[in-house]
Amino acid sequence: MIVIIVLLSLIEQLICGQPFSGLPFSKMPRGYKKSNRQSWSEESMRSAVEAVLSKEMGYLKASQTFCLAQKTLEPSVKKARESGSVA
């Protein structure tokens, strides 16, 4: 079971282009790592917003497909809906 969790974590990190951050069940960090905030591109955000607005995908599926945080995607979609265009 633990092997499956580790493999799924590694696959997700590879798909989203994130560096390997260690095992998901380790207790203490071996060293503090720099945050990878806003590791998404503007193009992936634009594509995700378009997919949600056109109702091709929901928030969760779009965030997983385009490697974005769902909480990051939601305000962008809301802003695009209010302005009437894709942000």
PDB file of N, CA and C in Angstrom:
ATOM      1  N   MET A   1       0.826  -1.193   0.000  1.00  0.00           N
ATOM      2  CA  MET A   1       0.000   0.000   0.000  1.00  0.00           C
ATOM      3  C   MET A   1       0.872   1.260   0.000  1.00  0.00           C
ATOM      4  N   ILE A   2       1.934   1.243   0.808  1.00  0.00           N
ATOM      5  CA  ILE A   2       2.821   2.397   0.886  1.00  0.00           C
ATOM      6  C   ILE A   2       3.547   2.589  -0.442  1.00  0.00           C
ATOM      7  N   VAL A   3       3.902   1.480  -1.082  1.00  0.00           N
ATOM      8  CA  VAL A   3       4.589   1.552  -2.367  1.00  0.00           C
ATOM      9  C   VAL A   3       3.700   2.227  -3.416  1.00  0.00           C
ATOM     10  N   ILE A   4       2.419   1.903  -3.393  1.00  0.00           N
ATOM     11  CA  ILE A   4       1.472   2.499  -4.336  1.00  0.00           C
ATOM     12  C   ILE A   4       1.364   3.996  -4.104  1.00  0.00           C
ATOM     13  N   ILE A   5       1.305   4.415  -2.846  1.00  0.00           N
ATOM     14  CA  ILE A   5       1.207   5.840  -2.512  1.00  0.00           C
ATOM     15  C   ILE A   5       2.444   6.579  -2.992  1.00  0.00           C
ATOM     16  N   VAL A   6       3.603   6.002  -2.771  1.00  0.00           N
ATOM     17  CA  VAL A   6       4.854   6.627  -3.190  1.00  0.00           C
ATOM     18  C   VAL A   6       4.910   6.733  -4.712  1.00  0.00           C
ATOM     19  N   LEU A   7       4.519   5.671  -5.408  1.00  0.00           N
ATOM     20  CA  LEU A   7       4.536   5.695  -6.871  1.00  0.00           C
ATOM     21  C   LEU A   7       3.560   6.724  -7.427  1.00  0.00           C
ATOM     22  N   LEU A   8       2.369   6.814  -6.859  1.00  0.00           N
ATOM     23  CA  LEU A   8       1.394   7.806  -7.316  1.00  0.00           C
ATOM     24  C   LEU A   8       1.902   9.223  -7.084  1.00  0.00           C
ATOM     25  N   SER A   9       2.556   9.434  -5.959  1.00  0.00           N
ATOM     26  CA  SER A   9       3.122  10.745  -5.663  1.00  0.00           C
ATOM     27  C   SER A   9       4.215  11.104  -6.664  1.00  0.00           C
ATOM     28  N   LEU A  10       5.080  10.144  -6.974  1.00  0.00           N
ATOM     29  CA  LEU A  10       6.149  10.384  -7.938  1.00  0.00           C
ATOM     30  C   LEU A  10       5.594  10.663  -9.335  1.00  0.00           C
ATOM     31  N   ILE A  11       4.581   9.911  -9.741  1.00  0.00           N
ATOM     32  CA  ILE A  11       3.975  10.104 -11.060  1.00  0.00           C
ATOM     33  C   ILE A  11       3.340  11.482 -11.157  1.00  0.00           C
ATOM     34  N   GLU A  12       2.634  11.904 -10.115  1.00  0.00           N
ATOM     35  CA  GLU A  12       2.005  13.223 -10.127  1.00  0.00           C
ATOM     36  C   GLU A  12       3.053  14.326 -10.225  1.00  0.00           C
ATOM     37  N   GLN A  13       4.157  14.178  -9.497  1.00  0.00           N
ATOM     38  CA  GLN A  13       5.209  15.181  -9.547  1.00  0.00           C
ATOM     39  C   GLN A  13       5.857  15.232 -10.926  1.00  0.00           C
ATOM     40  N   LEU A  14       6.023  14.091 -11.567  1.00  0.00           N
ATOM     41  CA  LEU A  14       6.609  14.063 -12.905  1.00  0.00           C
ATOM     42  C   LEU A  14       5.679  14.692 -13.933  1.00  0.00           C
ATOM     43  N   ILE A  15       4.386  14.411 -13.839  1.00  0.00           N
ATOM     44  CA  ILE A  15       3.422  14.951 -14.795  1.00  0.00           C
ATOM     45  C   ILE A  15       3.356  16.464 -14.692  1.00  0.00           C
ATOM     46  N   CYS A  16       3.334  16.987 -13.488  1.00  0.00           N
ATOM     47  CA  CYS A  16       3.211  18.428 -13.284  1.00  0.00           C
ATOM     48  C   CYS A  16       4.550  19.151 -13.362  1.00  0.00           C
ATOM     49  N   GLY A  17       5.640  18.437 -13.573  1.00  0.00           N
ATOM     50  CA  GLY A  17       6.944  19.067 -13.724  1.00  0.00           C
ATOM     51  C   GLY A  17       7.524  19.590 -12.426  1.00  0.00           C
ATOM     52  N   GLN A  18       7.090  19.048 -11.301  1.00  0.00           N
ATOM     53  CA  GLN A  18       7.599  19.497 -10.008  1.00  0.00           C
ATOM     54  C   GLN A  18       8.801  18.646  -9.620  1.00  0.00           C
ATOM     55  N   PRO A  19       9.763  19.231  -8.911  1.00  0.00           N
ATOM     56  CA  PRO A  19      10.906  18.440  -8.469  1.00  0.00           C
ATOM     57  C   PRO A  19      10.490  17.436  -7.395  1.00  0.00           C
ATOM     58  N   PHE A  20      11.228  16.362  -7.275  1.00  0.00           N
ATOM     59  CA  PHE A  20      10.930  15.345  -6.269  1.00  0.00           C
ATOM     60  C   PHE A  20      11.083  15.953  -4.889  1.00  0.00           C
ATOM     61  N   SER A  21      10.036  15.859  -4.082  1.00  0.00           N
ATOM     62  CA  SER A  21      10.050  16.498  -2.766  1.00  0.00           C
ATOM     63  C   SER A  21      10.204  15.502  -1.628  1.00  0.00           C
ATOM     64  N   GLY A  22      10.590  14.290  -1.908  1.00  0.00           N
ATOM     65  CA  GLY A  22      10.788  13.311  -0.860  1.00  0.00           C
ATOM     66  C   GLY A  22       9.589  12.411  -0.703  1.00  0.00           C
ATOM     67  N   LEU A  23       9.677  11.541   0.252  1.00  0.00           N
ATOM     68  CA  LEU A  23       8.599  10.595   0.492  1.00  0.00           C
ATOM     69  C   LEU A  23       7.430  11.288   1.175  1.00  0.00           C
ATOM     70  N   PRO A  24       6.196  10.916   0.834  1.00  0.00           N
ATOM     71  CA  PRO A  24       5.040  11.608   1.387  1.00  0.00           C
ATOM     72  C   PRO A  24       4.781  11.318   2.860  1.00  0.00           C
ATOM     73  N   PHE A  25       5.445  10.307   3.421  1.00  0.00           N
ATOM     74  CA  PHE A  25       5.171   9.941   4.798  1.00  0.00           C
ATOM     75  C   PHE A  25       6.334  10.214   5.742  1.00  0.00           C
ATOM     76  N   SER A  26       7.346  10.947   5.303  1.00  0.00           N
ATOM     77  CA  SER A  26       8.478  11.239   6.182  1.00  0.00           C
ATOM     78  C   SER A  26       8.038  12.230   7.255  1.00  0.00           C
ATOM     79  N   LYS A  27       8.571  12.078   8.456  1.00  0.00           N
ATOM     80  CA  LYS A  27       8.115  12.856   9.602  1.00  0.00           C
ATOM     81  C   LYS A  27       8.709  14.263   9.651  1.00  0.00           C
ATOM     82  N   MET A  28       9.979  14.376   9.462  1.00  0.00           N
ATOM     83  CA  MET A  28      10.636  15.673   9.561  1.00  0.00           C
ATOM     84  C   MET A  28      11.345  15.982   8.253  1.00  0.00           C
ATOM     85  N   PRO A  29      11.361  17.240   7.858  1.00  0.00           N
ATOM     86  CA  PRO A  29      12.087  17.563   6.627  1.00  0.00           C
ATOM     87  C   PRO A  29      13.597  17.465   6.846  1.00  0.00           C
ATOM     88  N   ARG A  30      14.281  16.989   5.856  1.00  0.00           N
ATOM     89  CA  ARG A  30      15.742  16.904   5.957  1.00  0.00           C
ATOM     90  C   ARG A  30      16.378  18.245   5.706  1.00  0.00           C
ATOM     91  N   GLY A  31      15.668  19.093   5.085  1.00  0.00           N
ATOM     92  CA  GLY A  31      16.129  20.449   4.810  1.00  0.00           C
ATOM     93  C   GLY A  31      14.956  21.239   4.265  1.00  0.00           C
ATOM     94  N   TYR A  32      14.946  22.486   4.505  1.00  0.00           N
ATOM     95  CA  TYR A  32      13.840  23.298   4.018  1.00  0.00           C
ATOM     96  C   TYR A  32      14.051  23.598   2.543  1.00  0.00           C
ATOM     97  N   LYS A  33      12.990  23.477   1.796  1.00  0.00           N
ATOM     98  CA  LYS A  33      13.067  23.678   0.364  1.00  0.00           C
ATOM     99  C   LYS A  33      12.377  24.974  -0.013  1.00  0.00           C
ATOM    100  N   LYS A  34      12.866  25.587  -1.041  1.00  0.00           N
ATOM    101  CA  LYS A  34      12.269  26.810  -1.527  1.00  0.00           C
ATOM    102  C   LYS A  34      10.867  26.502  -2.058  1.00  0.00           C
ATOM    103  N   SER A  35       9.948  27.373  -1.794  1.00  0.00           N
ATOM    104  CA  SER A  35       8.583  27.191  -2.251  1.00  0.00           C
ATOM    105  C   SER A  35       8.518  27.277  -3.767  1.00  0.00           C
ATOM    106  N   ASN A  36       7.644  26.480  -4.345  1.00  0.00           N
ATOM    107  CA  ASN A  36       7.457  26.527  -5.789  1.00  0.00           C
ATOM    108  C   ASN A  36       6.100  27.159  -6.107  1.00  0.00           C
ATOM    109  N   ARG A  37       5.804  28.251  -5.439  1.00  0.00           N
ATOM    110  CA  ARG A  37       4.550  28.955  -5.680  1.00  0.00           C
ATOM    111  C   ARG A  37       4.531  29.493  -7.099  1.00  0.00           C
ATOM    112  N   GLN A  38       3.350  29.528  -7.643  1.00  0.00           N
ATOM    113  CA  GLN A  38       3.102  29.944  -9.019  1.00  0.00           C
ATOM    114  C   GLN A  38       4.042  29.216  -9.978  1.00  0.00           C
ATOM    115  N   SER A  39       4.027  27.902  -9.874  1.00  0.00           N
ATOM    116  CA  SER A  39       4.840  27.104 -10.790  1.00  0.00           C
ATOM    117  C   SER A  39       4.068  26.792 -12.070  1.00  0.00           C
ATOM    118  N   TRP A  40       2.916  27.384 -12.231  1.00  0.00           N
ATOM    119  CA  TRP A  40       2.107  27.180 -13.435  1.00  0.00           C
ATOM    120  C   TRP A  40       2.365  28.313 -14.414  1.00  0.00           C
ATOM    121  N   SER A  41       2.084  28.048 -15.663  1.00  0.00           N
ATOM    122  CA  SER A  41       2.285  29.067 -16.682  1.00  0.00           C
ATOM    123  C   SER A  41       0.968  29.791 -16.961  1.00  0.00           C
ATOM    124  N   GLU A  42       1.084  30.960 -17.531  1.00  0.00           N
ATOM    125  CA  GLU A  42      -0.106  31.738 -17.884  1.00  0.00           C
ATOM    126  C   GLU A  42      -0.947  30.989 -18.921  1.00  0.00           C
ATOM    127  N   GLU A  43      -0.269  30.281 -19.810  1.00  0.00           N
ATOM    128  CA  GLU A  43      -0.977  29.533 -20.857  1.00  0.00           C
ATOM    129  C   GLU A  43      -1.818  28.406 -20.262  1.00  0.00           C
ATOM    130  N   SER A  44      -1.267  27.695 -19.267  1.00  0.00           N
ATOM    131  CA  SER A  44      -2.046  26.616 -18.644  1.00  0.00           C
ATOM    132  C   SER A  44      -3.218  27.188 -17.857  1.00  0.00           C
ATOM    133  N   MET A  45      -3.032  28.343 -17.227  1.00  0.00           N
ATOM    134  CA  MET A  45      -4.145  28.981 -16.521  1.00  0.00           C
ATOM    135  C   MET A  45      -5.226  29.399 -17.510  1.00  0.00           C
ATOM    136  N   ARG A  46      -4.825  29.986 -18.610  1.00  0.00           N
ATOM    137  CA  ARG A  46      -5.784  30.430 -19.629  1.00  0.00           C
ATOM    138  C   ARG A  46      -6.568  29.234 -20.180  1.00  0.00           C
ATOM    139  N   SER A  47      -5.871  28.139 -20.448  1.00  0.00           N
ATOM    140  CA  SER A  47      -6.531  26.944 -20.987  1.00  0.00           C
ATOM    141  C   SER A  47      -7.501  26.344 -19.982  1.00  0.00           C
ATOM    142  N   ALA A  48      -7.113  26.337 -18.707  1.00  0.00           N
ATOM    143  CA  ALA A  48      -7.986  25.798 -17.672  1.00  0.00           C
ATOM    144  C   ALA A  48      -9.234  26.661 -17.512  1.00  0.00           C
ATOM    145  N   VAL A  49      -9.067  27.979 -17.543  1.00  0.00           N
ATOM    146  CA  VAL A  49     -10.210  28.887 -17.418  1.00  0.00           C
ATOM    147  C   VAL A  49     -11.161  28.700 -18.597  1.00  0.00           C
ATOM    148  N   GLU A  50     -10.613  28.569 -19.796  1.00  0.00           N
ATOM    149  CA  GLU A  50     -11.443  28.338 -20.981  1.00  0.00           C
ATOM    150  C   GLU A  50     -12.214  27.025 -20.869  1.00  0.00           C
ATOM    151  N   ALA A  51     -11.550  25.981 -20.366  1.00  0.00           N
ATOM    152  CA  ALA A  51     -12.201  24.677 -20.233  1.00  0.00           C
ATOM    153  C   ALA A  51     -13.362  24.734 -19.227  1.00  0.00           C
ATOM    154  N   VAL A  52     -13.175  25.467 -18.133  1.00  0.00           N
ATOM    155  CA  VAL A  52     -14.232  25.573 -17.125  1.00  0.00           C
ATOM    156  C   VAL A  52     -15.375  26.433 -17.647  1.00  0.00           C
ATOM    157  N   LEU A  53     -15.049  27.542 -18.309  1.00  0.00           N
ATOM    158  CA  LEU A  53     -16.095  28.427 -18.825  1.00  0.00           C
ATOM    159  C   LEU A  53     -16.921  27.779 -19.935  1.00  0.00           C
ATOM    160  N   SER A  54     -16.286  26.949 -20.737  1.00  0.00           N
ATOM    161  CA  SER A  54     -17.013  26.271 -21.812  1.00  0.00           C
ATOM    162  C   SER A  54     -17.695  24.989 -21.325  1.00  0.00           C
ATOM    163  N   LYS A  55     -17.563  24.709 -20.035  1.00  0.00           N
ATOM    164  CA  LYS A  55     -18.166  23.550 -19.373  1.00  0.00           C
ATOM    165  C   LYS A  55     -17.662  22.220 -19.919  1.00  0.00           C
ATOM    166  N   GLU A  56     -16.431  22.219 -20.450  1.00  0.00           N
ATOM    167  CA  GLU A  56     -15.791  20.975 -20.843  1.00  0.00           C
ATOM    168  C   GLU A  56     -15.347  20.195 -19.610  1.00  0.00           C
ATOM    169  N   MET A  57     -14.918  20.940 -18.582  1.00  0.00           N
ATOM    170  CA  MET A  57     -14.411  20.339 -17.349  1.00  0.00           C
ATOM    171  C   MET A  57     -14.914  21.141 -16.165  1.00  0.00           C
ATOM    172  N   GLY A  58     -14.910  20.489 -15.012  1.00  0.00           N
ATOM    173  CA  GLY A  58     -15.177  21.191 -13.773  1.00  0.00           C
ATOM    174  C   GLY A  58     -13.873  21.724 -13.203  1.00  0.00           C
ATOM    175  N   TYR A  59     -13.964  22.377 -12.043  1.00  0.00           N
ATOM    176  CA  TYR A  59     -12.768  22.935 -11.412  1.00  0.00           C
ATOM    177  C   TYR A  59     -11.735  21.853 -11.097  1.00  0.00           C
ATOM    178  N   LEU A  60     -12.183  20.755 -10.507  1.00  0.00           N
ATOM    179  CA  LEU A  60     -11.250  19.722 -10.064  1.00  0.00           C
ATOM    180  C   LEU A  60     -10.522  19.090 -11.244  1.00  0.00           C
ATOM    181  N   LYS A  61     -11.262  18.689 -12.267  1.00  0.00           N
ATOM    182  CA  LYS A  61     -10.637  18.043 -13.419  1.00  0.00           C
ATOM    183  C   LYS A  61      -9.702  19.003 -14.157  1.00  0.00           C
ATOM    184  N   ALA A  62     -10.113  20.267 -14.302  1.00  0.00           N
ATOM    185  CA  ALA A  62      -9.258  21.251 -14.977  1.00  0.00           C
ATOM    186  C   ALA A  62      -7.987  21.497 -14.176  1.00  0.00           C
ATOM    187  N   SER A  63      -8.117  21.584 -12.859  1.00  0.00           N
ATOM    188  CA  SER A  63      -6.922  21.833 -12.043  1.00  0.00           C
ATOM    189  C   SER A  63      -5.962  20.658 -12.111  1.00  0.00           C
ATOM    190  N   GLN A  64      -6.471  19.443 -12.168  1.00  0.00           N
ATOM    191  CA  GLN A  64      -5.595  18.270 -12.276  1.00  0.00           C
ATOM    192  C   GLN A  64      -4.994  18.156 -13.671  1.00  0.00           C
ATOM    193  N   THR A  65      -5.784  18.434 -14.697  1.00  0.00           N
ATOM    194  CA  THR A  65      -5.308  18.315 -16.073  1.00  0.00           C
ATOM    195  C   THR A  65      -4.205  19.322 -16.380  1.00  0.00           C
ATOM    196  N   PHE A  66      -4.372  20.565 -15.912  1.00  0.00           N
ATOM    197  CA  PHE A  66      -3.419  21.627 -16.237  1.00  0.00           C
ATOM    198  C   PHE A  66      -2.426  21.899 -15.111  1.00  0.00           C
ATOM    199  N   CYS A  67      -2.379  21.027 -14.094  1.00  0.00           N
ATOM    200  CA  CYS A  67      -1.427  21.119 -12.968  1.00  0.00           C
ATOM    201  C   CYS A  67      -1.515  22.467 -12.253  1.00  0.00           C
ATOM    202  N   LEU A  68      -2.718  22.832 -11.877  1.00  0.00           N
ATOM    203  CA  LEU A  68      -2.954  24.054 -11.114  1.00  0.00           C
ATOM    204  C   LEU A  68      -3.616  23.691  -9.797  1.00  0.00           C
ATOM    205  N   ALA A  69      -3.486  24.548  -8.815  1.00  0.00           N
ATOM    206  CA  ALA A  69      -4.239  24.368  -7.587  1.00  0.00           C
ATOM    207  C   ALA A  69      -5.679  24.817  -7.835  1.00  0.00           C
ATOM    208  N   GLN A  70      -6.628  24.048  -7.320  1.00  0.00           N
ATOM    209  CA  GLN A  70      -8.033  24.383  -7.543  1.00  0.00           C
ATOM    210  C   GLN A  70      -8.366  25.743  -6.942  1.00  0.00           C
ATOM    211  N   LYS A  71      -7.805  26.042  -5.791  1.00  0.00           N
ATOM    212  CA  LYS A  71      -8.064  27.333  -5.141  1.00  0.00           C
ATOM    213  C   LYS A  71      -7.436  28.492  -5.911  1.00  0.00           C
ATOM    214  N   THR A  72      -6.470  28.219  -6.757  1.00  0.00           N
ATOM    215  CA  THR A  72      -5.888  29.247  -7.616  1.00  0.00           C
ATOM    216  C   THR A  72      -6.751  29.461  -8.851  1.00  0.00           C
ATOM    217  N   LEU A  73      -7.345  28.385  -9.326  1.00  0.00           N
ATOM    218  CA  LEU A  73      -8.161  28.444 -10.538  1.00  0.00           C
ATOM    219  C   LEU A  73      -9.496  29.143 -10.300  1.00  0.00           C
ATOM    220  N   GLU A  74     -10.115  28.903  -9.168  1.00  0.00           N
ATOM    221  CA  GLU A  74     -11.460  29.427  -8.897  1.00  0.00           C
ATOM    222  C   GLU A  74     -11.559  30.954  -9.007  1.00  0.00           C
ATOM    223  N   PRO A  75     -10.654  31.743  -8.398  1.00  0.00           N
ATOM    224  CA  PRO A  75     -10.760  33.197  -8.554  1.00  0.00           C
ATOM    225  C   PRO A  75     -10.557  33.675  -9.987  1.00  0.00           C
ATOM    226  N   SER A  76      -9.711  32.981 -10.736  1.00  0.00           N
ATOM    227  CA  SER A  76      -9.489  33.369 -12.130  1.00  0.00           C
ATOM    228  C   SER A  76     -10.743  33.144 -12.969  1.00  0.00           C
ATOM    229  N   VAL A  77     -11.444  32.043 -12.715  1.00  0.00           N
ATOM    230  CA  VAL A  77     -12.689  31.768 -13.437  1.00  0.00           C
ATOM    231  C   VAL A  77     -13.754  32.788 -13.041  1.00  0.00           C
ATOM    232  N   LYS A  78     -13.815  33.102 -11.763  1.00  0.00           N
ATOM    233  CA  LYS A  78     -14.795  34.089 -11.289  1.00  0.00           C
ATOM    234  C   LYS A  78     -14.537  35.452 -11.933  1.00  0.00           C
ATOM    235  N   LYS A  79     -13.263  35.836 -11.986  1.00  0.00           N
ATOM    236  CA  LYS A  79     -12.902  37.116 -12.596  1.00  0.00           C
ATOM    237  C   LYS A  79     -13.259  37.134 -14.086  1.00  0.00           C
ATOM    238  N   ALA A  80     -13.015  36.018 -14.765  1.00  0.00           N
ATOM    239  CA  ALA A  80     -13.326  35.931 -16.182  1.00  0.00           C
ATOM    240  C   ALA A  80     -14.837  35.981 -16.424  1.00  0.00           C
ATOM    241  N   ARG A  81     -15.611  35.356 -15.536  1.00  0.00           N
ATOM    242  CA  ARG A  81     -17.067  35.381 -15.669  1.00  0.00           C
ATOM    243  C   ARG A  81     -17.593  36.814 -15.479  1.00  0.00           C
ATOM    244  N   GLU A  82     -17.035  37.523 -14.504  1.00  0.00           N
ATOM    245  CA  GLU A  82     -17.507  38.894 -14.219  1.00  0.00           C
ATOM    246  C   GLU A  82     -17.133  39.861 -15.345  1.00  0.00           C
ATOM    247  N   SER A  83     -15.946  39.674 -15.934  1.00  0.00           N
ATOM    248  CA  SER A  83     -15.518  40.590 -16.982  1.00  0.00           C
ATOM    249  C   SER A  83     -16.056  40.165 -18.362  1.00  0.00           C
ATOM    250  N   GLY A  84     -16.493  38.920 -18.463  1.00  0.00           N
ATOM    251  CA  GLY A  84     -17.040  38.442 -19.722  1.00  0.00           C
ATOM    252  C   GLY A  84     -15.998  37.949 -20.703  1.00  0.00           C
ATOM    253  N   SER A  85     -14.767  37.839 -20.260  1.00  0.00           N
ATOM    254  CA  SER A  85     -13.694  37.342 -21.131  1.00  0.00           C
ATOM    255  C   SER A  85     -12.777  36.431 -20.352  1.00  0.00           C
ATOM    256  N   VAL A  86     -11.900  35.746 -21.045  1.00  0.00           N
ATOM    257  CA  VAL A  86     -10.947  34.855 -20.405  1.00  0.00           C
ATOM    258  C   VAL A  86      -9.770  35.667 -19.909  1.00  0.00           C
ATOM    259  N   ALA A  87      -9.400  35.479 -18.615  1.00  0.00           N
ATOM    260  CA  ALA A  87      -8.303  36.258 -18.017  1.00  0.00           C
ATOM    261  C   ALA A  87      -6.964  35.682 -18.368  1.00  0.00           C
TER     262      ALA A  87
END
